[in-house]
Every structure is written in structure tokens, then in C-alpha cells.
PDB file of N, CA and C in Angstrom:
ATOM      1  N   MET A   1       0.825  -1.193   0.000  1.00  0.00           N
ATOM      2  CA  MET A   1       0.000   0.000   0.000  1.00  0.00           C
ATOM      3  C   MET A   1       0.862   1.247   0.000  1.00  0.00           C
ATOM      4  N   ILE A   2       1.928   1.215   0.783  1.00  0.00           N
ATOM      5  CA  ILE A   2       2.807   2.377   0.855  1.00  0.00           C
ATOM      6  C   ILE A   2       3.537   2.579  -0.466  1.00  0.00           C
ATOM      7  N   ALA A   3       3.932   1.495  -1.117  1.00  0.00           N
ATOM      8  CA  ALA A   3       4.654   1.606  -2.384  1.00  0.00           C
ATOM      9  C   ALA A   3       3.780   2.242  -3.461  1.00  0.00           C
ATOM     10  N   SER A   4       2.493   1.892  -3.496  1.00  0.00           N
ATOM     11  CA  SER A   4       1.619   2.477  -4.513  1.00  0.00           C
ATOM     12  C   SER A   4       1.389   3.960  -4.257  1.00  0.00           C
ATOM     13  N   SER A   5       1.289   4.366  -2.998  1.00  0.00           N
ATOM     14  CA  SER A   5       1.104   5.786  -2.711  1.00  0.00           C
ATOM     15  C   SER A   5       2.372   6.569  -3.013  1.00  0.00           C
ATOM     16  N   LEU A   6       3.538   5.947  -2.852  1.00  0.00           N
ATOM     17  CA  LEU A   6       4.776   6.624  -3.213  1.00  0.00           C
ATOM     18  C   LEU A   6       4.875   6.806  -4.717  1.00  0.00           C
ATOM     19  N   PHE A   7       4.450   5.795  -5.467  1.00  0.00           N
ATOM     20  CA  PHE A   7       4.493   5.904  -6.919  1.00  0.00           C
ATOM     21  C   PHE A   7       3.562   6.999  -7.414  1.00  0.00           C
ATOM     22  N   LEU A   8       2.358   7.055  -6.882  1.00  0.00           N
ATOM     23  CA  LEU A   8       1.394   8.049  -7.330  1.00  0.00           C
ATOM     24  C   LEU A   8       1.832   9.460  -6.962  1.00  0.00           C
ATOM     25  N   GLY A   9       2.543   9.596  -5.875  1.00  0.00           N
ATOM     26  CA  GLY A   9       3.029  10.909  -5.482  1.00  0.00           C
ATOM     27  C   GLY A   9       4.179  11.382  -6.340  1.00  0.00           C
ATOM     28  N   ALA A  10       4.857  10.483  -7.041  1.00  0.00           N
ATOM     29  CA  ALA A  10       6.026  10.833  -7.836  1.00  0.00           C
ATOM     30  C   ALA A  10       5.673  11.250  -9.256  1.00  0.00           C
ATOM     31  N   VAL A  11       4.417  11.167  -9.652  1.00  0.00           N
ATOM     32  CA  VAL A  11       4.032  11.540 -11.007  1.00  0.00           C
ATOM     33  C   VAL A  11       3.902  13.051 -11.072  1.00  0.00           C
ATOM     34  N   GLY A  12       4.753  13.641 -11.886  1.00  0.00           N
ATOM     35  CA  GLY A  12       4.750  15.088 -12.026  1.00  0.00           C
ATOM     36  C   GLY A  12       4.507  15.501 -13.459  1.00  0.00           C
ATOM     37  N   PRO A  13       4.625  16.782 -13.746  1.00  0.00           N
ATOM     38  CA  PRO A  13       4.345  17.260 -15.101  1.00  0.00           C
ATOM     39  C   PRO A  13       5.313  16.703 -16.152  1.00  0.00           C
ATOM     40  N   TRP A  14       6.566  16.492 -15.800  1.00  0.00           N
ATOM     41  CA  TRP A  14       7.518  15.962 -16.771  1.00  0.00           C
ATOM     42  C   TRP A  14       7.207  14.509 -17.121  1.00  0.00           C
ATOM     43  N   GLN A  15       6.754  13.748 -16.166  1.00  0.00           N
ATOM     44  CA  GLN A  15       6.398  12.356 -16.457  1.00  0.00           C
ATOM     45  C   GLN A  15       5.189  12.298 -17.385  1.00  0.00           C
ATOM     46  N   ILE A  16       4.243  13.182 -17.181  1.00  0.00           N
ATOM     47  CA  ILE A  16       3.059  13.227 -18.041  1.00  0.00           C
ATOM     48  C   ILE A  16       3.452  13.615 -19.461  1.00  0.00           C
ATOM     49  N   VAL A  17       4.359  14.581 -19.586  1.00  0.00           N
ATOM     50  CA  VAL A  17       4.834  14.998 -20.909  1.00  0.00           C
ATOM     51  C   VAL A  17       5.516  13.832 -21.612  1.00  0.00           C
ATOM     52  N   VAL A  18       6.322  13.080 -20.892  1.00  0.00           N
ATOM     53  CA  VAL A  18       7.012  11.933 -21.485  1.00  0.00           C
ATOM     54  C   VAL A  18       6.005  10.892 -21.970  1.00  0.00           C
ATOM     55  N   VAL A  19       4.980  10.619 -21.185  1.00  0.00           N
ATOM     56  CA  VAL A  19       3.959   9.645 -21.583  1.00  0.00           C
ATOM     57  C   VAL A  19       3.221  10.124 -22.827  1.00  0.00           C
ATOM     58  N   VAL A  20       2.863  11.402 -22.882  1.00  0.00           N
ATOM     59  CA  VAL A  20       2.147  11.944 -24.042  1.00  0.00           C
ATOM     60  C   VAL A  20       3.015  11.850 -25.296  1.00  0.00           C
ATOM     61  N   VAL A  21       4.295  12.180 -25.174  1.00  0.00           N
ATOM     62  CA  VAL A  21       5.198  12.096 -26.324  1.00  0.00           C
ATOM     63  C   VAL A  21       5.346  10.649 -26.798  1.00  0.00           C
ATOM     64  N   LEU A  22       5.460   9.711 -25.855  1.00  0.00           N
ATOM     65  CA  LEU A  22       5.562   8.303 -26.235  1.00  0.00           C
ATOM     66  C   LEU A  22       4.310   7.820 -26.958  1.00  0.00           C
ATOM     67  N   VAL A  23       3.138   8.231 -26.484  1.00  0.00           N
ATOM     68  CA  VAL A  23       1.883   7.835 -27.137  1.00  0.00           C
ATOM     69  C   VAL A  23       1.829   8.407 -28.545  1.00  0.00           C
ATOM     70  N   LEU A  24       2.242   9.673 -28.703  1.00  0.00           N
ATOM     71  CA  LEU A  24       2.251  10.272 -30.034  1.00  0.00           C
ATOM     72  C   LEU A  24       3.212   9.544 -30.963  1.00  0.00           C
ATOM     73  N   LEU A  25       4.365   9.169 -30.448  1.00  0.00           N
ATOM     74  CA  LEU A  25       5.333   8.459 -31.276  1.00  0.00           C
ATOM     75  C   LEU A  25       4.851   7.060 -31.652  1.00  0.00           C
ATOM     76  N   LEU A  26       4.216   6.379 -30.714  1.00  0.00           N
ATOM     77  CA  LEU A  26       3.764   5.015 -30.976  1.00  0.00           C
ATOM     78  C   LEU A  26       2.569   4.958 -31.928  1.00  0.00           C
ATOM     79  N   PHE A  27       1.590   5.821 -31.710  1.00  0.00           N
ATOM     80  CA  PHE A  27       0.338   5.717 -32.453  1.00  0.00           C
ATOM     81  C   PHE A  27       0.189   6.759 -33.554  1.00  0.00           C
ATOM     82  N   GLY A  28       0.873   7.862 -33.464  1.00  0.00           N
ATOM     83  CA  GLY A  28       0.731   8.921 -34.458  1.00  0.00           C
ATOM     84  C   GLY A  28      -0.480   9.784 -34.176  1.00  0.00           C
ATOM     85  N   GLY A  29      -0.474  10.978 -34.739  1.00  0.00           N
ATOM     86  CA  GLY A  29      -1.541  11.944 -34.482  1.00  0.00           C
ATOM     87  C   GLY A  29      -2.884  11.553 -35.056  1.00  0.00           C
ATOM     88  N   LYS A  30      -2.888  10.776 -36.143  1.00  0.00           N
ATOM     89  CA  LYS A  30      -4.160  10.425 -36.785  1.00  0.00           C
ATOM     90  C   LYS A  30      -4.883   9.291 -36.075  1.00  0.00           C
ATOM     91  N   LYS A  31      -4.167   8.436 -35.386  1.00  0.00           N
ATOM     92  CA  LYS A  31      -4.790   7.285 -34.717  1.00  0.00           C
ATOM     93  C   LYS A  31      -5.373   7.643 -33.358  1.00  0.00           C
ATOM     94  N   ILE A  32      -4.856   8.672 -32.723  1.00  0.00           N
ATOM     95  CA  ILE A  32      -5.280   8.997 -31.354  1.00  0.00           C
ATOM     96  C   ILE A  32      -6.772   9.324 -31.272  1.00  0.00           C
ATOM     97  N   PRO A  33      -7.355  10.134 -32.187  1.00  0.00           N
ATOM     98  CA  PRO A  33      -8.809  10.358 -32.096  1.00  0.00           C
ATOM     99  C   PRO A  33      -9.621   9.071 -32.215  1.00  0.00           C
ATOM    100  N   GLU A  34      -9.170   8.145 -33.065  1.00  0.00           N
ATOM    101  CA  GLU A  34      -9.864   6.861 -33.176  1.00  0.00           C
ATOM    102  C   GLU A  34      -9.781   6.077 -31.879  1.00  0.00           C
ATOM    103  N   LEU A  35      -8.606   6.079 -31.256  1.00  0.00           N
ATOM    104  CA  LEU A  35      -8.435   5.370 -29.984  1.00  0.00           C
ATOM    105  C   LEU A  35      -9.316   5.973 -28.896  1.00  0.00           C
ATOM    106  N   MET A  36      -9.379   7.303 -28.834  1.00  0.00           N
ATOM    107  CA  MET A  36     -10.190   7.962 -27.805  1.00  0.00           C
ATOM    108  C   MET A  36     -11.680   7.724 -28.052  1.00  0.00           C
ATOM    109  N   ARG A  37     -12.076   7.703 -29.319  1.00  0.00           N
ATOM    110  CA  ARG A  37     -13.478   7.430 -29.656  1.00  0.00           C
ATOM    111  C   ARG A  37     -13.860   6.017 -29.229  1.00  0.00           C
ATOM    112  N   GLY A  38     -12.966   5.072 -29.478  1.00  0.00           N
ATOM    113  CA  GLY A  38     -13.211   3.696 -29.066  1.00  0.00           C
ATOM    114  C   GLY A  38     -13.266   3.559 -27.559  1.00  0.00           C
ATOM    115  N   LEU A  39     -12.375   4.271 -26.875  1.00  0.00           N
ATOM    116  CA  LEU A  39     -12.375   4.244 -25.409  1.00  0.00           C
ATOM    117  C   LEU A  39     -13.671   4.837 -24.865  1.00  0.00           C
ATOM    118  N   GLY A  40     -14.108   5.943 -25.449  1.00  0.00           N
ATOM    119  CA  GLY A  40     -15.360   6.570 -25.008  1.00  0.00           C
ATOM    120  C   GLY A  40     -16.566   5.682 -25.230  1.00  0.00           C
ATOM    121  N   SER A  41     -16.620   5.023 -26.364  1.00  0.00           N
ATOM    122  CA  SER A  41     -17.766   4.144 -26.620  1.00  0.00           C
ATOM    123  C   SER A  41     -17.732   2.924 -25.702  1.00  0.00           C
ATOM    124  N   GLY A  42     -16.544   2.448 -25.383  1.00  0.00           N
ATOM    125  CA  GLY A  42     -16.435   1.329 -24.446  1.00  0.00           C
ATOM    126  C   GLY A  42     -16.917   1.710 -23.054  1.00  0.00           C
ATOM    127  N   ILE A  43     -16.556   2.914 -22.612  1.00  0.00           N
ATOM    128  CA  ILE A  43     -17.008   3.389 -21.299  1.00  0.00           C
ATOM    129  C   ILE A  43     -18.525   3.558 -21.295  1.00  0.00           C
ATOM    130  N   LYS A  44     -19.061   4.087 -22.404  1.00  0.00           N
ATOM    131  CA  LYS A  44     -20.515   4.278 -22.492  1.00  0.00           C
ATOM    132  C   LYS A  44     -21.250   2.943 -22.419  1.00  0.00           C
ATOM    133  N   GLU A  45     -20.746   1.947 -23.144  1.00  0.00           N
ATOM    134  CA  GLU A  45     -21.371   0.624 -23.111  1.00  0.00           C
ATOM    135  C   GLU A  45     -21.297   0.008 -21.724  1.00  0.00           C
ATOM    136  N   PHE A  46     -20.170   0.209 -21.045  1.00  0.00           N
ATOM    137  CA  PHE A  46     -20.021  -0.316 -19.692  1.00  0.00           C
ATOM    138  C   PHE A  46     -21.021   0.334 -18.740  1.00  0.00           C
ATOM    139  N   LYS A  47     -21.187   1.647 -18.846  1.00  0.00           N
ATOM    140  CA  LYS A  47     -22.157   2.344 -17.993  1.00  0.00           C
ATOM    141  C   LYS A  47     -23.575   1.871 -18.267  1.00  0.00           C
ATOM    142  N   ASP A  48     -23.901   1.706 -19.555  1.00  0.00           N
ATOM    143  CA  ASP A  48     -25.245   1.231 -19.911  1.00  0.00           C
ATOM    144  C   ASP A  48     -25.489  -0.175 -19.367  1.00  0.00           C
ATOM    145  N   ALA A  49     -24.492  -1.039 -19.481  1.00  0.00           N
ATOM    146  CA  ALA A  49     -24.634  -2.400 -18.972  1.00  0.00           C
ATOM    147  C   ALA A  49     -24.764  -2.401 -17.446  1.00  0.00           C
ATOM    148  N   SER A  50     -24.028  -1.545 -16.781  1.00  0.00           N
ATOM    149  CA  SER A  50     -24.120  -1.452 -15.320  1.00  0.00           C
ATOM    150  C   SER A  50     -25.498  -0.961 -14.896  1.00  0.00           C
ATOM    151  N   LYS A  51     -26.011   0.020 -15.640  1.00  0.00           N
ATOM    152  CA  LYS A  51     -27.328   0.564 -15.315  1.00  0.00           C
ATOM    153  C   LYS A  51     -28.406  -0.488 -15.537  1.00  0.00           C
ATOM    154  N   ASP A  52     -28.303  -1.229 -16.627  1.00  0.00           N
ATOM    155  CA  ASP A  52     -29.273  -2.287 -16.905  1.00  0.00           C
ATOM    156  C   ASP A  52     -29.234  -3.361 -15.823  1.00  0.00           C
ATOM    157  N   ASP A  53     -28.049  -3.694 -15.386  1.00  0.00           N
ATOM    158  CA  ASP A  53     -27.892  -4.713 -14.345  1.00  0.00           C
ATOM    159  C   ASP A  53     -28.508  -4.241 -13.037  1.00  0.00           C
ATOM    160  N   SER A  54     -28.295  -2.977 -12.674  1.00  0.00           N
ATOM    161  CA  SER A  54     -28.870  -2.477 -11.429  1.00  0.00           C
ATOM    162  C   SER A  54     -30.388  -2.368 -11.532  1.00  0.00           C
ATOM    163  N   ASP A  55     -30.909  -2.068 -12.730  1.00  0.00           N
ATOM    164  CA  ASP A  55     -32.363  -2.028 -12.932  1.00  0.00           C
ATOM    165  C   ASP A  55     -32.970  -3.413 -12.768  1.00  0.00           C
ATOM    166  N   LYS A  56     -32.279  -4.434 -13.274  1.00  0.00           N
ATOM    167  CA  LYS A  56     -32.774  -5.802 -13.143  1.00  0.00           C
ATOM    168  C   LYS A  56     -32.795  -6.237 -11.687  1.00  0.00           C
ATOM    169  N   LYS A  57     -31.766  -5.870 -10.927  1.00  0.00           N
ATOM    170  CA  LYS A  57     -31.710  -6.239  -9.515  1.00  0.00           C
ATOM    171  C   LYS A  57     -32.843  -5.539  -8.746  1.00  0.00           C
ATOM    172  N   ALA A  58     -33.123  -4.287  -9.087  1.00  0.00           N
ATOM    173  CA  ALA A  58     -34.188  -3.554  -8.407  1.00  0.00           C
ATOM    174  C   ALA A  58     -35.546  -4.171  -8.731  1.00  0.00           C
ATOM    175  N   SER A  59     -35.757  -4.582  -9.973  1.00  0.00           N
ATOM    176  CA  SER A  59     -37.049  -5.189 -10.327  1.00  0.00           C
ATOM    177  C   SER A  59     -37.212  -6.565  -9.696  1.00  0.00           C
ATOM    178  N   ASP A  60     -36.093  -7.290  -9.515  1.00  0.00           N
ATOM    179  CA  ASP A  60     -36.163  -8.593  -8.852  1.00  0.00           C
ATOM    180  C   ASP A  60     -36.537  -8.439  -7.387  1.00  0.00           C
ATOM    181  N   LYS A  61     -36.087  -7.398  -6.745  1.00  0.00           N
ATOM    182  CA  LYS A  61     -36.405  -7.175  -5.324  1.00  0.00           C
ATOM    183  C   LYS A  61     -37.856  -6.769  -5.143  1.00  0.00           C
ATOM    184  N   LYS A  62     -38.465  -6.102  -6.150  1.00  0.00           N
ATOM    185  CA  LYS A  62     -39.850  -5.673  -6.043  1.00  0.00           C
ATOM    186  C   LYS A  62     -40.807  -6.848  -6.102  1.00  0.00           C
ATOM    187  N   GLU A  63     -40.400  -7.879  -6.830  1.00  0.00           N
ATOM    188  CA  GLU A  63     -41.288  -9.044  -7.002  1.00  0.00           C
ATOM    189  C   GLU A  63     -41.279  -9.864  -5.803  1.00  0.00           C
TER     190      GLU A  63
END
């Protein structure tokens, strides 16, 4: 637990810049919007599935 909090505390602006530059080098500027769009749609589907699951549990408790 202590090791993870030390790691998270060590992330600064230079580390973020390095990660962004590496992502740009690996994927290129044209692929990043596609990747973000896919990530967004995946998150949306996950939220919808979670909501549907909680609705089913609520309807099961009513019966």
C-alpha cells in the first residue's frame, strides 16, 4: 500500500509529458482520435450495462 502511494506521489508534469510524447510516437496523431473514440464508446457501453444490471436487480427485489 505504501509503495503504490509513493508511486502516485512521484508523477509530475515531466512524467506526463514523457507519456504523451511516447503515445504520439507510438500511435501517431491520426490514430489517437480513433483510440479515444473507441475508449469513449467502451465506457458508455459499460455504464449502460451497469445501469441495466442495477435495474434488473431492483425489479427482482420488487417481485
